[in-house]
C-alpha cells in the first residue's frame, strides 16, 4: 500500500486538510453535503456574495478529501474563481484556490496563489502551509522549510505540526516526525479540530510506525483513527497493510475491500491484488490489477493524479514497462521530489538501464530518507551493476529498516541476499 512517505498522490498530497477552515466557522460542524447545500441555497438568494462562494469552494474541497472524488476539486475551483472575479484581492479565496491547485498537481500555480494570499495577509499561516507543501512536491526543500517554519511561528496547531513532520520524515528524522505528529494530534484534540483532520494525523503516525516495522504501534494508530473518524478509508487500508504483514490474509482482504468500497484508490487495488497473488489466487488478483488501470484512466484528471501509482504498479508487476518509463518521466517534469527520482530509478532498472537508474536513485537518497523501499530499489540497481558489496548493504538496510516493507518485495530482498551468500540479520562487511 502507498503511504505518505511513498507519496501516494492525493494523499501525500493533502497533508491534513491544507485549506484551513470554512468562511462560516459554525458550518464546519455540519456534514459536508449539508454544508454544500447550505451555501448553494445562500447563493440562490444572493449570487454576488463573495464569502459564500469561498465557503462553497472549501466545502467542495472537503467533499473531495472525504470521498476521493476528484471532480469536486473542479467544482471548488469554479466557486473560488467566481469569488475572485467578484473580489480579486480576497486573500482567503486565494489561499483556498492554492490548495485546490495543489490537490490537482498544479504546484507552480498553487505556489503562485499562496504567495498572493500571503502578500495580502502575512499573518495567514495556512497560506504558508500550502506554499510549503507546493515547494515540497517539486523538491524545493529549503523553501519548504522556510515556509513551514513561518507557519509554525504563526500558529502552533495540528496543521503546522503535521506538515513539519512530513519534512522531517523526508530528511530521515523519524523520531522528530513522530514527535510532531503526536503533538499535532494532542493539539488538534484539545482545540476540537474536525475529526477527519485528527484522524489524518493518527493515520500518518501509523504510517511512520509501519515504516519502522513497528506493527503494534502502527495498528494502534490506525485503530485510533477509525475510532476518531469511523470508516476512514485511509485507516482501513493502513490496517489492511498491517494484517497482510502479519500474514492475516483474509483480514487484510476484508479491510482492503472496505477501503475500496468507500474510495477506490489504485494503490489499494494493487495491494489487494498482491495479497491474492500471495494466496495463489491469480484470477482474483487479476481483477484487482485490472481495477488499478480502470481507476488510473477513469478521467483526464485521474491520468494526472495517478501517473505515479500507475508507473509504480507497472514496474512492480513487470508489465507495460515502456509506458511506465514514459509516466515516470512525465512525473519528474511535474514533481522533482525524492520519490519522483526513486520512481524513475525503479522504472529504469526494470527497463535494464542500470547506469541511468543509479544516477536517479542517488538523487532519491540525497536527503537521508529512512525508507526501506528506497534502499531495496538501490540494492537491486547495485546488483544489476555488479556492485555486490553495495547491493548487500542496501538490501540489508532495507530489511533492517522495515522487514515488512512490501508483501512481495521484502521476500525478494531476502532471496537476493541469500543468493549473494547473506541472510537477513547477518552483518554485512
Protein backbone atom coordinates (compact mmCIF):
# COMPACT_ATOMS: atom_id res chain seq x y z
CA UNK A 1 0.00 0.00 0.00
CA UNK A 2 1.20 3.51 -0.75
CA UNK A 3 1.62 5.70 2.29
CA UNK A 4 2.52 9.35 2.52
CA UNK A 5 6.23 8.58 2.70
CA UNK A 6 5.73 6.73 -0.59
CA UNK A 7 3.87 9.73 -1.92
CA UNK A 8 0.54 8.23 -2.53
CA UNK A 9 -0.60 11.15 -4.60
CA UNK A 10 -3.84 12.66 -3.41
CA UNK A 11 -2.78 11.72 -0.16
CA UNK A 12 0.67 12.66 0.07
CA UNK A 13 -0.65 15.37 -1.17
CA UNK A 14 -3.41 16.68 1.10
CA UNK A 15 -1.34 16.93 4.25
CA UNK A 16 -4.16 17.18 6.69
CA UNK A 17 -6.70 19.44 5.05
CA UNK A 18 -4.48 22.16 3.72
CA UNK A 19 -7.12 24.75 3.12
CA UNK A 20 -7.99 25.56 6.71
CA UNK A 21 -11.44 26.46 7.97
CA UNK A 22 -14.64 27.44 6.29
CA UNK A 23 -15.61 31.04 5.73
CA UNK A 24 -18.53 30.47 8.10
CA UNK A 25 -16.87 28.69 11.09
CA UNK A 26 -20.01 27.10 12.54
CA UNK A 27 -20.69 25.43 9.19
CA UNK A 28 -17.58 23.30 9.75
CA UNK A 29 -19.51 21.14 12.20
CA UNK A 30 -22.17 20.31 9.61
CA UNK A 31 -21.93 17.18 7.42
CA UNK A 32 -20.25 18.12 4.16
CA UNK A 33 -23.26 17.50 1.91
CA UNK A 34 -25.38 19.71 4.15
CA UNK A 35 -22.71 22.40 4.08
CA UNK A 36 -22.64 22.34 0.28
CA UNK A 37 -26.43 22.54 0.14
CA UNK A 38 -26.41 25.42 2.64
CA UNK A 39 -24.06 27.52 0.52
CA UNK A 40 -25.89 26.64 -2.69
CA UNK A 41 -29.18 27.86 -1.20
CA UNK A 42 -27.48 31.01 0.03
CA UNK A 43 -26.20 31.75 -3.49
CA UNK A 44 -29.70 31.32 -4.89
CA UNK A 45 -30.73 34.21 -2.61
CA UNK A 46 -27.64 36.30 -3.32
CA UNK A 47 -25.44 35.31 -6.27
CA UNK A 48 -22.93 38.10 -5.53
CA UNK A 49 -21.90 37.06 -2.02
CA UNK A 50 -18.12 36.58 -2.17
CA UNK A 51 -17.76 34.81 1.16
CA UNK A 52 -20.46 32.31 0.24
CA UNK A 53 -18.59 31.35 -2.93
CA UNK A 54 -15.46 30.95 -0.86
CA UNK A 55 -17.28 28.75 1.68
CA UNK A 56 -18.77 26.67 -1.12
CA UNK A 57 -15.34 26.17 -2.66
CA UNK A 58 -13.92 24.97 0.63
CA UNK A 59 -16.89 22.65 1.18
CA UNK A 60 -16.32 21.09 -2.25
CA UNK A 61 -12.64 20.61 -1.34
CA UNK A 62 -13.65 18.88 1.87
CA UNK A 63 -16.01 16.63 -0.09
CA UNK A 64 -13.15 15.69 -2.43
CA UNK A 65 -10.96 14.76 0.56
CA UNK A 66 -13.67 12.68 2.18
CA UNK A 67 -14.98 10.94 -0.92
CA UNK A 68 -11.88 10.65 -3.08
CA UNK A 69 -13.94 12.02 -6.00
CA UNK A 70 -11.57 14.49 -7.63
CA UNK A 71 -14.40 16.02 -9.66
CA UNK A 72 -15.24 18.05 -6.56
CA UNK A 73 -11.94 19.90 -6.93
CA UNK A 74 -13.16 21.18 -10.30
CA UNK A 75 -16.35 22.45 -8.66
CA UNK A 76 -14.27 24.00 -5.89
CA UNK A 77 -12.11 25.85 -8.40
CA UNK A 78 -15.17 27.20 -10.20
CA UNK A 79 -16.63 28.58 -6.96
CA UNK A 80 -13.35 30.12 -5.83
CA UNK A 81 -12.63 31.77 -9.17
CA UNK A 82 -16.12 33.27 -9.05
CA UNK A 83 -15.30 34.70 -5.63
CA UNK A 84 -12.07 36.18 -7.01
CA UNK A 85 -13.89 37.57 -10.02
CA UNK A 86 -16.10 39.49 -7.61
CA UNK A 87 -13.21 40.45 -5.29
CA UNK A 88 -9.74 39.94 -6.83
CA UNK A 89 -7.88 40.87 -3.65
CA UNK A 90 -9.64 38.32 -1.42
CA UNK A 91 -6.81 36.54 0.41
CA UNK A 92 -8.92 33.70 1.82
CA UNK A 93 -10.20 32.73 -1.63
CA UNK A 94 -6.65 32.87 -3.00
CA UNK A 95 -5.45 30.53 -0.28
CA UNK A 96 -8.30 28.10 -0.88
CA UNK A 97 -7.63 28.22 -4.61
CA UNK A 98 -3.95 27.49 -3.93
CA UNK A 99 -4.98 24.32 -2.10
CA UNK A 100 -7.25 23.19 -4.93
CA UNK A 101 -4.47 23.72 -7.48
CA UNK A 102 -2.09 21.82 -5.24
CA UNK A 103 -4.51 18.91 -4.97
CA UNK A 104 -4.76 18.86 -8.77
CA UNK A 105 -0.95 18.80 -9.04
CA UNK A 106 -0.58 22.30 -10.41
CA UNK A 107 2.20 23.01 -7.93
CA UNK A 108 3.51 26.12 -9.65
CA UNK A 109 0.00 27.58 -9.72
CA UNK A 110 -0.51 26.65 -6.07
CA UNK A 111 2.70 28.40 -5.04
CA UNK A 112 1.75 31.48 -7.05
CA UNK A 113 -1.72 31.82 -5.50
CA UNK A 114 -0.42 31.09 -1.99
CA UNK A 115 2.21 33.80 -2.40
CA UNK A 116 -0.51 36.25 -3.46
CA UNK A 117 -2.54 35.35 -0.36
CA UNK A 118 0.50 35.90 1.87
CA UNK A 119 1.19 39.27 0.27
CA UNK A 120 -2.37 40.34 1.11
CA UNK A 121 -2.33 38.79 4.59
CA UNK A 122 1.14 37.99 6.00
CA UNK A 123 -0.48 36.51 9.12
CA UNK A 124 -2.25 33.72 7.21
CA UNK A 125 -0.45 30.63 8.47
CA UNK A 126 -2.49 28.28 6.29
CA UNK A 127 -1.28 30.09 3.16
CA UNK A 128 2.30 29.48 4.27
CA UNK A 129 1.35 25.83 4.72
CA UNK A 130 0.11 25.47 1.16
CA UNK A 131 3.19 27.29 -0.10
CA UNK A 132 5.43 24.92 1.86
CA UNK A 133 3.59 21.88 0.52
CA UNK A 134 3.94 23.12 -3.07
CA UNK A 135 7.68 23.55 -2.55
CA UNK A 136 7.95 20.05 -1.09
CA UNK A 137 6.34 18.45 -4.13
CA UNK A 138 8.89 19.97 -6.51
CA UNK A 139 11.89 19.19 -4.33
CA UNK A 140 12.50 22.74 -3.09
CA UNK A 141 13.18 21.62 0.45
CA UNK A 142 14.91 24.77 1.66
CA UNK A 143 12.00 26.98 0.61
CA UNK A 144 9.58 24.44 2.10
CA UNK A 145 11.39 24.58 5.44
CA UNK A 146 11.23 28.37 5.43
CA UNK A 147 7.51 28.48 4.63
CA UNK A 148 6.55 25.77 7.13
CA UNK A 149 8.63 27.34 9.89
CA UNK A 150 6.83 30.62 9.24
CA UNK A 151 3.53 28.77 9.56
CA UNK A 152 4.63 27.31 12.88
CA UNK A 153 5.67 30.75 14.11
CA UNK A 154 2.15 31.99 13.37
CA UNK A 155 0.15 29.01 14.63
CA UNK A 156 1.29 26.01 16.63
CA UNK A 157 -1.61 23.82 15.69
CA UNK A 158 -2.41 20.43 14.17
CA UNK A 159 -1.79 21.66 10.63
CA UNK A 160 1.62 23.19 11.30
CA UNK A 161 2.98 20.27 13.31
CA UNK A 162 1.70 17.66 10.85
CA UNK A 163 3.32 19.45 7.92
CA UNK A 164 6.66 19.78 9.65
CA UNK A 165 6.55 16.08 10.49
CA UNK A 166 6.41 15.28 6.78
CA UNK A 167 9.53 17.32 6.05
CA UNK A 168 11.38 15.74 8.97
CA UNK A 169 10.42 12.28 7.73
CA UNK A 170 11.83 13.06 4.29
CA UNK A 171 15.07 14.19 5.91
CA UNK A 172 15.41 10.96 7.87
CA UNK A 173 14.40 12.39 11.25
CA UNK A 174 11.80 9.74 12.04
CA UNK A 175 11.86 10.43 15.78
CA UNK A 176 11.18 14.11 15.12
CA UNK A 177 8.41 13.27 12.67
CA UNK A 178 6.71 11.01 15.21
CA UNK A 179 7.03 13.62 17.96
CA UNK A 180 5.49 16.31 15.76
CA UNK A 181 2.57 14.07 14.79
CA UNK A 182 1.89 13.27 18.43
CA UNK A 183 1.91 17.00 19.15
CA UNK A 184 -0.41 17.62 16.20
CA UNK A 185 -2.91 15.05 17.48
CA UNK A 186 -2.80 16.38 21.03
CA UNK A 187 -3.31 19.99 19.95
CA UNK A 188 -5.99 19.01 17.47
CA UNK A 189 -7.96 17.14 20.12
CA UNK A 190 -7.54 19.96 22.63
CA UNK A 191 -8.71 22.59 20.13
CA UNK A 192 -11.63 20.49 18.89
CA UNK A 193 -10.47 20.25 15.29
CA UNK A 194 -12.69 18.28 12.84
CA UNK A 195 -12.46 14.51 13.39
CA UNK A 196 -11.25 13.87 9.82
CA UNK A 197 -8.28 16.18 10.39
CA UNK A 198 -7.29 14.44 13.63
CA UNK A 199 -7.79 11.01 12.05
CA UNK A 200 -5.48 12.05 9.21
CA UNK A 201 -2.68 12.78 11.70
CA UNK A 202 -3.32 9.49 13.52
CA UNK A 203 -3.22 7.62 10.21
CA UNK A 204 0.00 9.35 9.25
CA UNK A 205 1.51 8.46 12.63
CA UNK A 206 0.56 4.87 11.92
CA UNK A 207 2.41 5.15 8.61
CA UNK A 208 5.53 6.40 10.35
CA UNK A 209 5.46 3.45 12.74
CA UNK A 210 4.81 0.99 9.91
CA UNK A 211 7.78 2.40 8.00
CA UNK A 212 9.93 1.45 11.01
CA UNK A 213 8.49 -2.06 11.10
CA UNK A 214 6.65 -1.36 14.36
CA UNK A 215 3.41 -3.19 13.58
CA UNK A 216 1.97 -2.94 17.08
CA UNK A 217 2.17 0.86 17.25
CA UNK A 218 1.06 1.19 13.62
CA UNK A 219 -2.03 -0.90 14.27
CA UNK A 220 -2.80 1.12 17.38
CA UNK A 221 -2.75 4.40 15.46
CA UNK A 222 -4.84 3.08 12.59
CA UNK A 223 -7.44 1.85 15.06
CA UNK A 224 -7.32 5.20 16.85
CA UNK A 225 -8.01 6.94 13.53
CA UNK A 226 -11.03 4.68 12.96
CA UNK A 227 -12.30 5.48 16.44
CA UNK A 228 -11.92 9.20 15.72
CA UNK A 229 -13.47 9.03 12.25
CA UNK A 230 -15.36 5.76 11.65
CA UNK A 231 -14.94 4.07 8.26
CA UNK A 232 -11.95 6.27 7.47
CA UNK A 233 -10.73 4.66 4.27
CA UNK A 234 -7.07 5.56 4.78
CA UNK A 235 -7.03 3.92 8.20
CA UNK A 236 -8.84 0.84 6.86
CA UNK A 237 -6.15 0.43 4.19
CA UNK A 238 -3.41 1.05 6.74
CA UNK A 239 -4.82 -1.62 9.00
CA UNK A 240 -5.06 -3.96 5.99
CA UNK A 241 -1.35 -3.39 5.39
CA UNK A 242 -0.58 -4.44 8.96
CA UNK A 243 -2.76 -7.54 8.68
CA UNK A 244 -1.04 -8.52 5.43
CA UNK A 245 2.37 -8.09 7.08
CA UNK A 246 1.20 -10.38 9.89
CA UNK A 247 0.04 -12.91 7.27
CA UNK A 248 -3.58 -12.49 8.31
CA UNK A 249 -4.62 -12.63 4.68
CA UNK A 250 -8.39 -12.83 5.00
CA UNK A 251 -8.46 -9.92 7.44
CA UNK A 252 -6.33 -7.90 5.02
CA UNK A 253 -8.65 -8.75 2.12
CA UNK A 254 -11.73 -7.69 4.06
CA UNK A 255 -10.16 -4.39 5.09
CA UNK A 256 -8.89 -3.53 1.61
CA UNK A 257 -12.33 -4.30 0.20
CA UNK A 258 -13.91 -1.99 2.77
CA UNK A 259 -11.50 0.81 1.88
CA UNK A 260 -12.05 0.35 -1.86
CA UNK A 261 -15.82 0.38 -1.38
CA UNK A 262 -15.52 3.81 0.21
CA UNK A 263 -12.85 5.35 -2.04
CA UNK A 264 -11.40 3.35 -4.96
CA UNK A 265 -7.69 4.18 -4.81
CA UNK A 266 -5.36 2.44 -7.29
CA UNK A 267 -2.74 1.56 -4.68
CA UNK A 268 -5.36 -0.18 -2.53
CA UNK A 269 -6.43 -2.31 -5.50
CA UNK A 270 -2.80 -3.16 -6.27
CA UNK A 271 -2.13 -4.13 -2.66
CA UNK A 272 -5.26 -6.30 -2.56
CA UNK A 273 -4.19 -7.97 -5.80
CA UNK A 274 -0.80 -8.72 -4.22
CA UNK A 275 -2.50 -10.41 -1.27
CA UNK A 276 -4.45 -12.62 -3.66
CA UNK A 277 -1.24 -13.37 -5.55
CA UNK A 278 0.45 -14.48 -2.35
CA UNK A 279 -2.52 -16.76 -1.68
CA UNK A 280 -2.21 -18.36 -5.10
CA UNK A 281 -5.45 -16.88 -6.44
CA UNK A 282 -4.40 -15.36 -9.81
CA UNK A 283 -7.94 -14.82 -11.07
CA UNK A 284 -8.90 -12.68 -8.08
CA UNK A 285 -5.56 -10.89 -8.26
CA UNK A 286 -6.13 -10.14 -11.93
CA UNK A 287 -9.45 -8.48 -11.19
CA UNK A 288 -7.77 -6.10 -8.76
CA UNK A 289 -4.86 -5.40 -11.10
CA UNK A 290 -7.35 -4.51 -13.86
CA UNK A 291 -9.06 -2.17 -11.41
CA UNK A 292 -5.79 -0.29 -10.89
CA UNK A 293 -5.79 0.77 -14.54
CA UNK A 294 -9.53 1.42 -14.57
CA UNK A 295 -9.13 3.90 -11.72
CA UNK A 296 -5.98 5.45 -13.13
CA UNK A 297 -7.51 6.13 -16.53
CA UNK A 298 -11.02 6.95 -15.33
CA UNK A 299 -10.88 10.56 -16.48
CA UNK A 300 -8.42 13.23 -17.58
CA UNK A 301 -7.70 14.41 -14.05
CA UNK A 302 -7.09 10.86 -12.83
CA UNK A 303 -4.47 10.46 -15.56
CA UNK A 304 -2.60 13.37 -13.99
CA UNK A 305 -3.15 12.47 -10.34
CA UNK A 306 -2.33 8.78 -10.62
CA UNK A 307 0.64 8.79 -13.00
CA UNK A 308 2.90 7.82 -10.14
CA UNK A 309 0.69 5.00 -8.89
CA UNK A 310 0.33 3.56 -12.38
CA UNK A 311 4.07 3.69 -13.06
CA UNK A 312 4.82 2.01 -9.73
CA UNK A 313 2.21 -0.66 -10.45
CA UNK A 314 3.61 -1.41 -13.91
CA UNK A 315 7.18 -1.60 -12.62
CA UNK A 316 6.28 -3.70 -9.58
CA UNK A 317 4.42 -6.19 -11.76
CA UNK A 318 6.77 -6.20 -14.76
CA UNK A 319 4.16 -5.06 -17.24
CA UNK A 320 3.96 -2.17 -19.72
CA UNK A 321 7.49 -1.12 -18.78
CA UNK A 322 7.88 1.28 -21.69
CA UNK A 323 4.69 3.05 -20.63
CA UNK A 324 5.90 3.06 -17.03
CA UNK A 325 9.07 4.85 -18.11
CA UNK A 326 7.05 7.43 -20.03
CA UNK A 327 4.86 8.04 -16.98
CA UNK A 328 7.88 8.30 -14.68
CA UNK A 329 9.49 10.90 -16.93
CA UNK A 330 6.24 12.89 -17.00
CA UNK A 331 6.15 12.76 -13.20
CA UNK A 332 9.66 14.17 -12.99
CA UNK A 333 8.62 17.08 -15.20
CA UNK A 334 5.95 17.98 -12.64
CA UNK A 335 7.47 16.85 -9.34
CA UNK A 336 11.16 16.79 -8.58
CA UNK A 337 10.91 15.34 -5.08
CA UNK A 338 12.93 12.35 -3.88
CA UNK A 339 10.13 9.95 -4.76
CA UNK A 340 9.95 11.13 -8.35
CA UNK A 341 13.63 10.24 -8.66
CA UNK A 342 13.06 6.93 -6.87
CA UNK A 343 10.26 6.08 -9.28
CA UNK A 344 12.43 6.94 -12.26
CA UNK A 345 15.26 4.82 -10.86
CA UNK A 346 12.97 1.83 -10.29
CA UNK A 347 11.46 2.01 -13.78
CA UNK A 348 14.87 2.46 -15.41
CA UNK A 349 16.09 -0.60 -13.51
CA UNK A 350 13.11 -2.58 -14.78
CA UNK A 351 13.91 -1.38 -18.31
CA UNK A 352 17.50 -2.67 -17.93
CA UNK A 353 19.11 0.77 -17.80
CA UNK A 354 21.14 0.43 -14.57
CA UNK A 355 23.58 3.31 -15.10
CA UNK A 356 20.74 5.78 -15.60
CA UNK A 357 18.91 4.17 -12.67
CA UNK A 358 21.97 4.67 -10.44
CA UNK A 359 22.02 8.41 -11.12
CA UNK A 360 18.32 8.67 -10.27
CA UNK A 361 18.47 6.59 -7.07
CA UNK A 362 21.48 8.61 -5.88
CA UNK A 363 19.32 11.72 -6.18
CA UNK A 364 16.45 9.94 -4.38
CA UNK A 365 18.67 9.10 -1.40
CA UNK A 366 20.22 12.54 -1.01
CA UNK A 367 18.07 13.67 1.94
CA UNK A 368 18.74 10.58 4.03
CA UNK A 369 15.09 9.44 3.94
CA UNK A 370 14.67 6.30 6.04
CA UNK A 371 12.52 4.30 3.63
CA UNK A 372 13.02 0.58 3.08
CA UNK A 373 11.67 0.79 -0.48
CA UNK A 374 14.36 3.29 -1.45
CA UNK A 375 17.05 1.02 -0.03
CA UNK A 376 15.51 -2.01 -1.75
CA UNK A 377 15.48 -0.28 -5.12
CA UNK A 378 19.08 0.84 -4.60
CA UNK A 379 20.11 -2.71 -3.70
CA UNK A 380 18.68 -4.21 -6.87
CA UNK A 381 20.21 -1.48 -9.01
CA UNK A 382 23.66 -2.12 -7.47
CA UNK A 383 23.11 -5.84 -8.00
CA UNK A 384 22.31 -5.26 -11.68
CA UNK A 385 25.51 -3.21 -11.97
CA UNK A 386 27.56 -5.97 -10.35
CA UNK A 387 28.47 -3.92 -7.25
CA UNK A 388 27.83 -6.77 -4.83
CA UNK A 389 29.09 -5.07 -1.68
CA UNK A 390 26.74 -2.08 -2.10
CA UNK A 391 23.90 -4.39 -3.12
CA UNK A 392 24.28 -6.35 0.11
CA UNK A 393 24.47 -3.24 2.27
CA UNK A 394 21.40 -1.66 0.66
CA UNK A 395 19.26 -4.80 0.87
CA UNK A 396 20.28 -5.40 4.48
CA UNK A 397 19.43 -1.79 5.25
CA UNK A 398 16.01 -2.18 3.66
CA UNK A 399 15.17 -5.20 5.80
CA UNK A 400 16.67 -3.69 8.93
CA UNK A 401 14.58 -0.54 8.46
CA UNK A 402 11.34 -2.43 7.91
CA UNK A 403 11.25 -6.20 7.28
CA UNK A 404 7.56 -5.86 6.25
CA UNK A 405 8.00 -3.00 3.77
CA UNK A 406 6.21 -4.82 0.93
CA UNK A 407 4.26 -8.05 0.82
CA UNK A 408 6.25 -9.24 -2.22
CA UNK A 409 9.45 -7.22 -2.33
CA UNK A 410 10.53 -7.97 1.23
CA UNK A 411 10.79 -11.63 0.21
CA UNK A 412 12.66 -10.63 -2.95
CA UNK A 413 15.17 -8.75 -0.83
CA UNK A 414 15.70 -11.78 1.41
CA UNK A 415 16.08 -14.18 -1.53
CA UNK A 416 18.51 -11.84 -3.29
CA UNK A 417 20.64 -11.63 -0.16
CA UNK A 418 20.61 -15.39 0.17
CA UNK A 419 21.75 -15.65 -3.44
CA UNK A 420 24.64 -13.35 -2.56
CA UNK A 421 25.62 -15.58 0.36
CA UNK A 422 23.98 -13.45 3.05
CA UNK A 423 20.96 -13.88 5.26
CA UNK A 424 18.84 -11.18 6.78
CA UNK A 425 20.27 -10.36 10.18
CA UNK A 426 23.89 -11.11 9.26
CA UNK A 427 26.34 -8.25 9.46
CA UNK A 428 27.47 -7.08 6.06
CA UNK A 429 31.16 -6.20 5.88
